[in-house]
Amino acid sequence: MRFSVAVLACLGVGAVSGALADPPSSPPQQSAVVKPASATTTPATEAATAKVPVTAPQTASVASSTAAVDPEEKRLLAKGYRMQMQNGEKVFCRRVPILGSRLEGKLSCGTARDIAAVEEQAREGVDRAQRAPQPPQSR
């Protein structure tokens, strides 16, 4: 019974998320400029009939906003961190579960540099532990 309720709930969530999703945007279609049959066109009339692509300024602004994101910040966002502003400084936060607790966990925040330093220290600790000579095992 519980299994069937869970399956139905998953199907319902999938159907609702598909129905509420934004429709895919179609690329703008460029129409061909049709020149009149008369050979008496002037440069002024040609300039008036020429079409300018609408997407050029929009793509430039989108490209500049995505290029502004640091690769280190992208890596942290992919690891589950969320970017926040605290005291005018950009920090990355995520919930860290507390071992043995069923509660939500502790919020861990830090700058990108702080988080990289902590990860490097953890990596060095693991390397040091793996390089340490193992004591002989007694039977």
C-alpha atoms as a PDB file:
ATOM      1  CA  MET A   1       0.000   0.000   0.000  1.00  0.00           C
ATOM      2  CA  ARG A   2       2.778   2.424   0.922  1.00  0.00           C
ATOM      3  CA  PHE A   3       4.667   1.522  -2.203  1.00  0.00           C
ATOM      4  CA  SER A   4       1.714   2.267  -4.459  1.00  0.00           C
ATOM      5  CA  VAL A   5       1.125   5.613  -2.715  1.00  0.00           C
ATOM      6  CA  ALA A   6       4.793   6.524  -3.198  1.00  0.00           C
ATOM      7  CA  VAL A   7       4.683   5.566  -6.898  1.00  0.00           C
ATOM      8  CA  LEU A   8       1.518   7.589  -7.455  1.00  0.00           C
ATOM      9  CA  ALA A   9       3.025  10.569  -5.632  1.00  0.00           C
ATOM     10  CA  CYS A  10       6.152  10.438  -7.818  1.00  0.00           C
ATOM     11  CA  LEU A  11       4.074  10.233 -10.970  1.00  0.00           C
ATOM     12  CA  GLY A  12       1.947  13.160  -9.814  1.00  0.00           C
ATOM     13  CA  VAL A  13       5.012  15.297  -9.066  1.00  0.00           C
ATOM     14  CA  GLY A  14       6.486  14.454 -12.460  1.00  0.00           C
ATOM     15  CA  ALA A  15       3.268  15.366 -14.245  1.00  0.00           C
ATOM     16  CA  VAL A  16       2.892  18.654 -12.361  1.00  0.00           C
ATOM     17  CA  SER A  17       6.516  19.680 -12.914  1.00  0.00           C
ATOM     18  CA  GLY A  18       6.188  18.972 -16.636  1.00  0.00           C
ATOM     19  CA  ALA A  19       2.979  20.969 -16.831  1.00  0.00           C
ATOM     20  CA  LEU A  20       4.434  23.943 -14.948  1.00  0.00           C
ATOM     21  CA  ALA A  21       7.735  24.030 -16.856  1.00  0.00           C
ATOM     22  CA  ASP A  22       8.467  26.967 -19.104  1.00  0.00           C
ATOM     23  CA  PRO A  23       7.781  26.232 -22.752  1.00  0.00           C
ATOM     24  CA  PRO A  24      10.939  25.942 -24.868  1.00  0.00           C
ATOM     25  CA  SER A  25      11.756  29.167 -26.610  1.00  0.00           C
ATOM     26  CA  SER A  26      12.025  28.938 -30.355  1.00  0.00           C
ATOM     27  CA  PRO A  27      14.926  30.734 -32.043  1.00  0.00           C
ATOM     28  CA  PRO A  28      13.908  33.930 -33.789  1.00  0.00           C
ATOM     29  CA  GLN A  29      13.300  33.429 -37.468  1.00  0.00           C
ATOM     30  CA  GLN A  30      15.064  35.794 -39.798  1.00  0.00           C
ATOM     31  CA  SER A  31      12.956  36.792 -42.728  1.00  0.00           C
ATOM     32  CA  ALA A  32      14.554  37.447 -46.069  1.00  0.00           C
ATOM     33  CA  VAL A  33      14.413  40.997 -47.312  1.00  0.00           C
ATOM     34  CA  VAL A  34      12.530  41.159 -50.594  1.00  0.00           C
ATOM     35  CA  LYS A  35      13.780  43.873 -52.895  1.00  0.00           C
ATOM     36  CA  PRO A  36      11.351  45.552 -55.232  1.00  0.00           C
ATOM     37  CA  ALA A  37      11.581  44.645 -58.898  1.00  0.00           C
ATOM     38  CA  SER A  38      12.390  48.187 -59.915  1.00  0.00           C
ATOM     39  CA  ALA A  39      16.065  48.994 -60.363  1.00  0.00           C
ATOM     40  CA  THR A  40      15.653  52.518 -58.988  1.00  0.00           C
ATOM     41  CA  THR A  41      16.353  51.742 -55.319  1.00  0.00           C
ATOM     42  CA  THR A  42      18.469  54.154 -53.381  1.00  0.00           C
ATOM     43  CA  PRO A  43      20.790  53.374 -50.468  1.00  0.00           C
ATOM     44  CA  ALA A  44      18.361  55.134 -48.115  1.00  0.00           C
ATOM     45  CA  THR A  45      15.486  52.812 -49.029  1.00  0.00           C
ATOM     46  CA  GLU A  46      17.735  49.760 -48.772  1.00  0.00           C
ATOM     47  CA  ALA A  47      18.794  50.789 -45.266  1.00  0.00           C
ATOM     48  CA  ALA A  48      15.162  51.306 -44.283  1.00  0.00           C
ATOM     49  CA  THR A  49      14.122  47.854 -45.481  1.00  0.00           C
ATOM     50  CA  ALA A  50      17.086  45.986 -43.966  1.00  0.00           C
ATOM     51  CA  LYS A  51      16.294  44.059 -40.784  1.00  0.00           C
ATOM     52  CA  VAL A  52      18.564  44.109 -37.761  1.00  0.00           C
ATOM     53  CA  PRO A  53      18.790  40.920 -35.677  1.00  0.00           C
ATOM     54  CA  VAL A  54      17.113  41.425 -32.308  1.00  0.00           C
ATOM     55  CA  THR A  55      19.138  38.825 -30.419  1.00  0.00           C
ATOM     56  CA  ALA A  56      22.559  40.512 -30.732  1.00  0.00           C
ATOM     57  CA  PRO A  57      22.311  42.833 -27.677  1.00  0.00           C
ATOM     58  CA  GLN A  58      20.576  40.197 -25.581  1.00  0.00           C
ATOM     59  CA  THR A  59      23.247  37.541 -26.130  1.00  0.00           C
ATOM     60  CA  ALA A  60      25.988  40.019 -25.264  1.00  0.00           C
ATOM     61  CA  SER A  61      24.411  40.784 -21.887  1.00  0.00           C
ATOM     62  CA  VAL A  62      23.844  37.089 -21.146  1.00  0.00           C
ATOM     63  CA  ALA A  63      27.413  36.226 -22.113  1.00  0.00           C
ATOM     64  CA  SER A  64      28.837  38.970 -19.900  1.00  0.00           C
ATOM     65  CA  SER A  65      26.797  37.821 -16.889  1.00  0.00           C
ATOM     66  CA  THR A  66      27.883  34.184 -17.250  1.00  0.00           C
ATOM     67  CA  ALA A  67      31.511  35.131 -17.886  1.00  0.00           C
ATOM     68  CA  ALA A  68      31.557  37.078 -14.614  1.00  0.00           C
ATOM     69  CA  VAL A  69      31.200  33.851 -12.571  1.00  0.00           C
ATOM     70  CA  ASP A  70      34.531  32.540 -11.330  1.00  0.00           C
ATOM     71  CA  PRO A  71      35.302  28.853 -12.081  1.00  0.00           C
ATOM     72  CA  GLU A  72      35.928  28.305  -8.359  1.00  0.00           C
ATOM     73  CA  GLU A  73      32.463  29.691  -7.614  1.00  0.00           C
ATOM     74  CA  LYS A  74      30.948  27.370 -10.235  1.00  0.00           C
ATOM     75  CA  ARG A  75      32.683  24.415  -8.577  1.00  0.00           C
ATOM     76  CA  LEU A  76      31.309  25.376  -5.156  1.00  0.00           C
ATOM     77  CA  LEU A  77      27.800  25.830  -6.536  1.00  0.00           C
ATOM     78  CA  ALA A  78      28.049  22.381  -8.152  1.00  0.00           C
ATOM     79  CA  LYS A  79      29.076  20.912  -4.770  1.00  0.00           C
ATOM     80  CA  GLY A  80      25.838  22.135  -3.184  1.00  0.00           C
ATOM     81  CA  TYR A  81      26.887  25.484  -1.754  1.00  0.00           C
ATOM     82  CA  ARG A  82      24.580  28.483  -2.060  1.00  0.00           C
ATOM     83  CA  MET A  83      25.892  31.971  -2.631  1.00  0.00           C
ATOM     84  CA  GLN A  84      24.859  34.591  -0.045  1.00  0.00           C
ATOM     85  CA  MET A  85      25.912  38.099   0.860  1.00  0.00           C
ATOM     86  CA  GLN A  86      26.899  38.619   4.511  1.00  0.00           C
ATOM     87  CA  ASN A  87      28.225  41.997   5.650  1.00  0.00           C
ATOM     88  CA  GLY A  88      28.886  43.004   2.052  1.00  0.00           C
ATOM     89  CA  GLU A  89      30.986  39.901   1.378  1.00  0.00           C
ATOM     90  CA  LYS A  90      30.123  37.005  -0.925  1.00  0.00           C
ATOM     91  CA  VAL A  91      30.049  33.758   1.062  1.00  0.00           C
ATOM     92  CA  PHE A  92      29.015  30.221   0.193  1.00  0.00           C
ATOM     93  CA  CYS A  93      26.871  28.238   2.633  1.00  0.00           C
ATOM     94  CA  ARG A  94      25.570  24.693   2.894  1.00  0.00           C
ATOM     95  CA  ARG A  95      23.967  22.527   5.541  1.00  0.00           C
ATOM     96  CA  VAL A  96      26.296  19.970   7.097  1.00  0.00           C
ATOM     97  CA  PRO A  97      24.544  17.050   8.825  1.00  0.00           C
ATOM     98  CA  ILE A  98      25.457  16.455  12.448  1.00  0.00           C
ATOM     99  CA  LEU A  99      26.580  12.871  13.030  1.00  0.00           C
ATOM    100  CA  GLY A 100      24.092  10.988  15.223  1.00  0.00           C
ATOM    101  CA  SER A 101      21.430  13.661  14.988  1.00  0.00           C
ATOM    102  CA  ARG A 102      18.157  13.603  13.105  1.00  0.00           C
ATOM    103  CA  LEU A 103      17.905  17.364  13.121  1.00  0.00           C
ATOM    104  CA  GLU A 104      18.459  19.561  10.095  1.00  0.00           C
ATOM    105  CA  GLY A 105      22.172  20.119  10.571  1.00  0.00           C
ATOM    106  CA  LYS A 106      24.566  23.010  10.956  1.00  0.00           C
ATOM    107  CA  LEU A 107      24.907  25.858   8.454  1.00  0.00           C
ATOM    108  CA  SER A 108      28.524  26.079   7.310  1.00  0.00           C
ATOM    109  CA  CYS A 109      29.535  29.299   5.538  1.00  0.00           C
ATOM    110  CA  GLY A 110      32.794  30.701   4.215  1.00  0.00           C
ATOM    111  CA  THR A 111      34.367  32.583   1.376  1.00  0.00           C
ATOM    112  CA  ALA A 112      35.609  30.689  -1.657  1.00  0.00           C
ATOM    113  CA  ARG A 113      39.187  31.114  -0.444  1.00  0.00           C
ATOM    114  CA  ASP A 114      38.338  29.823   3.066  1.00  0.00           C
ATOM    115  CA  ILE A 115      36.546  26.763   1.717  1.00  0.00           C
ATOM    116  CA  ALA A 116      39.437  25.979  -0.642  1.00  0.00           C
ATOM    117  CA  ALA A 117      41.892  26.233   2.281  1.00  0.00           C
ATOM    118  CA  VAL A 118      39.818  23.856   4.431  1.00  0.00           C
ATOM    119  CA  GLU A 119      39.556  21.352   1.557  1.00  0.00           C
ATOM    120  CA  GLU A 120      43.315  21.545   0.987  1.00  0.00           C
ATOM    121  CA  GLN A 121      44.001  20.914   4.698  1.00  0.00           C
ATOM    122  CA  ALA A 122      41.678  17.905   4.639  1.00  0.00           C
ATOM    123  CA  ARG A 123      43.407  16.571   1.512  1.00  0.00           C
ATOM    124  CA  GLU A 124      46.838  16.997   3.133  1.00  0.00           C
ATOM    125  CA  GLY A 125      45.617  15.213   6.278  1.00  0.00           C
ATOM    126  CA  VAL A 126      44.427  12.244   4.256  1.00  0.00           C
ATOM    127  CA  ASP A 127      47.705  12.121   2.310  1.00  0.00           C
ATOM    128  CA  ARG A 128      49.725  12.303   5.526  1.00  0.00           C
ATOM    129  CA  ALA A 129      47.675   9.486   7.082  1.00  0.00           C
ATOM    130  CA  GLN A 130      48.098   7.313   3.993  1.00  0.00           C
ATOM    131  CA  ARG A 131      51.879   7.867   3.893  1.00  0.00           C
ATOM    132  CA  ALA A 132      52.365   7.119   7.603  1.00  0.00           C
ATOM    133  CA  PRO A 133      53.987   3.718   8.213  1.00  0.00           C
ATOM    134  CA  GLN A 134      51.504   1.105   9.339  1.00  0.00           C
ATOM    135  CA  PRO A 135      52.352  -0.759  12.553  1.00  0.00           C
ATOM    136  CA  PRO A 136      52.850  -4.509  12.144  1.00  0.00           C
ATOM    137  CA  GLN A 137      49.673  -6.440  12.764  1.00  0.00           C
ATOM    138  CA  SER A 138      49.828  -8.962  15.568  1.00  0.00           C
ATOM    139  CA  ARG A 139      47.848 -12.191  15.524  1.00  0.00           C
END
